[in-house]
């Protein structure tokens, strides 16, 4: 199976719905928790290069 476990997503949604004072954002994976922290301490040009390298290989051939 690929992607995030639906049970984890559902539990996160339930947590948000039941919170007395819900937060603006909830993270489901370690990557979604860590990415904003890394972005805050990484120079912008380097961050852009990292994101570009993560996204580019997923495009089908000929769409660049």
C-alpha atoms as a PDB file:
ATOM      1  CA  UNK A   1       0.000   0.000   0.000  1.00  0.00           C
ATOM      2  CA  UNK A   2       1.247   3.497  -0.857  1.00  0.00           C
ATOM      3  CA  UNK A   3       0.443   6.759   0.858  1.00  0.00           C
ATOM      4  CA  UNK A   4      -0.741   7.553   4.338  1.00  0.00           C
ATOM      5  CA  UNK A   5      -2.679   5.059   6.414  1.00  0.00           C
ATOM      6  CA  UNK A   6      -6.363   6.121   6.287  1.00  0.00           C
ATOM      7  CA  UNK A   7      -6.767   5.204   9.966  1.00  0.00           C
ATOM      8  CA  UNK A   8      -4.064   7.726  10.945  1.00  0.00           C
ATOM      9  CA  UNK A   9      -5.754  10.428   8.891  1.00  0.00           C
ATOM     10  CA  UNK A  10      -9.152   9.610  10.393  1.00  0.00           C
ATOM     11  CA  UNK A  11      -7.739   9.673  13.935  1.00  0.00           C
ATOM     12  CA  UNK A  12      -6.132  13.061  13.302  1.00  0.00           C
ATOM     13  CA  UNK A  13      -9.440  14.449  12.026  1.00  0.00           C
ATOM     14  CA  UNK A  14     -11.278  13.087  15.064  1.00  0.00           C
ATOM     15  CA  UNK A  15      -8.673  14.657  17.347  1.00  0.00           C
ATOM     16  CA  UNK A  16      -9.166  18.023  15.636  1.00  0.00           C
ATOM     17  CA  UNK A  17     -12.958  17.804  15.789  1.00  0.00           C
ATOM     18  CA  UNK A  18     -12.993  16.872  19.463  1.00  0.00           C
ATOM     19  CA  UNK A  19     -10.451  19.474  20.605  1.00  0.00           C
ATOM     20  CA  UNK A  20     -11.801  22.246  22.813  1.00  0.00           C
ATOM     21  CA  UNK A  21      -9.328  24.660  21.229  1.00  0.00           C
ATOM     22  CA  UNK A  22      -8.364  23.228  17.835  1.00  0.00           C
ATOM     23  CA  UNK A  23      -5.016  24.150  16.330  1.00  0.00           C
ATOM     24  CA  UNK A  24      -4.661  25.736  12.900  1.00  0.00           C
ATOM     25  CA  UNK A  25      -2.807  22.718  11.550  1.00  0.00           C
ATOM     26  CA  UNK A  26      -2.516  19.058  12.408  1.00  0.00           C
ATOM     27  CA  UNK A  27       0.198  16.801  11.052  1.00  0.00           C
ATOM     28  CA  UNK A  28      -0.278  13.152  10.244  1.00  0.00           C
ATOM     29  CA  UNK A  29       3.233  12.105   9.241  1.00  0.00           C
ATOM     30  CA  UNK A  30       6.716  12.852  10.507  1.00  0.00           C
ATOM     31  CA  UNK A  31       7.507  14.443   7.150  1.00  0.00           C
ATOM     32  CA  UNK A  32       4.596  16.882   7.408  1.00  0.00           C
ATOM     33  CA  UNK A  33       5.716  17.804  10.931  1.00  0.00           C
ATOM     34  CA  UNK A  34       9.380  18.176  10.035  1.00  0.00           C
ATOM     35  CA  UNK A  35       9.123  20.018   6.693  1.00  0.00           C
ATOM     36  CA  UNK A  36       8.036  23.437   8.064  1.00  0.00           C
ATOM     37  CA  UNK A  37      10.784  23.307  10.696  1.00  0.00           C
ATOM     38  CA  UNK A  38      13.438  22.514   8.094  1.00  0.00           C
ATOM     39  CA  UNK A  39      12.098  25.207   5.766  1.00  0.00           C
ATOM     40  CA  UNK A  40      12.419  27.798   8.521  1.00  0.00           C
ATOM     41  CA  UNK A  41      16.141  27.124   8.982  1.00  0.00           C
ATOM     42  CA  UNK A  42      17.128  26.384   5.369  1.00  0.00           C
ATOM     43  CA  UNK A  43      18.176  29.145   2.952  1.00  0.00           C
ATOM     44  CA  UNK A  44      15.389  29.803   0.436  1.00  0.00           C
ATOM     45  CA  UNK A  45      17.378  28.905  -2.687  1.00  0.00           C
ATOM     46  CA  UNK A  46      18.508  25.604  -1.176  1.00  0.00           C
ATOM     47  CA  UNK A  47      14.946  24.793  -0.069  1.00  0.00           C
ATOM     48  CA  UNK A  48      13.669  25.518  -3.598  1.00  0.00           C
ATOM     49  CA  UNK A  49      16.274  23.170  -5.047  1.00  0.00           C
ATOM     50  CA  UNK A  50      15.370  20.403  -2.597  1.00  0.00           C
ATOM     51  CA  UNK A  51      11.648  20.723  -3.357  1.00  0.00           C
ATOM     52  CA  UNK A  52      12.308  20.828  -7.109  1.00  0.00           C
ATOM     53  CA  UNK A  53      14.370  17.629  -6.889  1.00  0.00           C
ATOM     54  CA  UNK A  54      11.623  15.927  -4.908  1.00  0.00           C
ATOM     55  CA  UNK A  55       8.889  16.921  -7.365  1.00  0.00           C
ATOM     56  CA  UNK A  56      10.576  16.681 -10.768  1.00  0.00           C
ATOM     57  CA  UNK A  57      11.109  12.898 -10.903  1.00  0.00           C
ATOM     58  CA  UNK A  58       7.375  12.356 -10.360  1.00  0.00           C
ATOM     59  CA  UNK A  59       6.387  14.146 -13.585  1.00  0.00           C
ATOM     60  CA  UNK A  60       5.766  11.951 -16.632  1.00  0.00           C
ATOM     61  CA  UNK A  61       8.356  12.134 -19.391  1.00  0.00           C
ATOM     62  CA  UNK A  62       7.879  15.162 -21.649  1.00  0.00           C
ATOM     63  CA  UNK A  63       6.093  17.463 -19.184  1.00  0.00           C
ATOM     64  CA  UNK A  64       9.115  19.462 -18.029  1.00  0.00           C
END
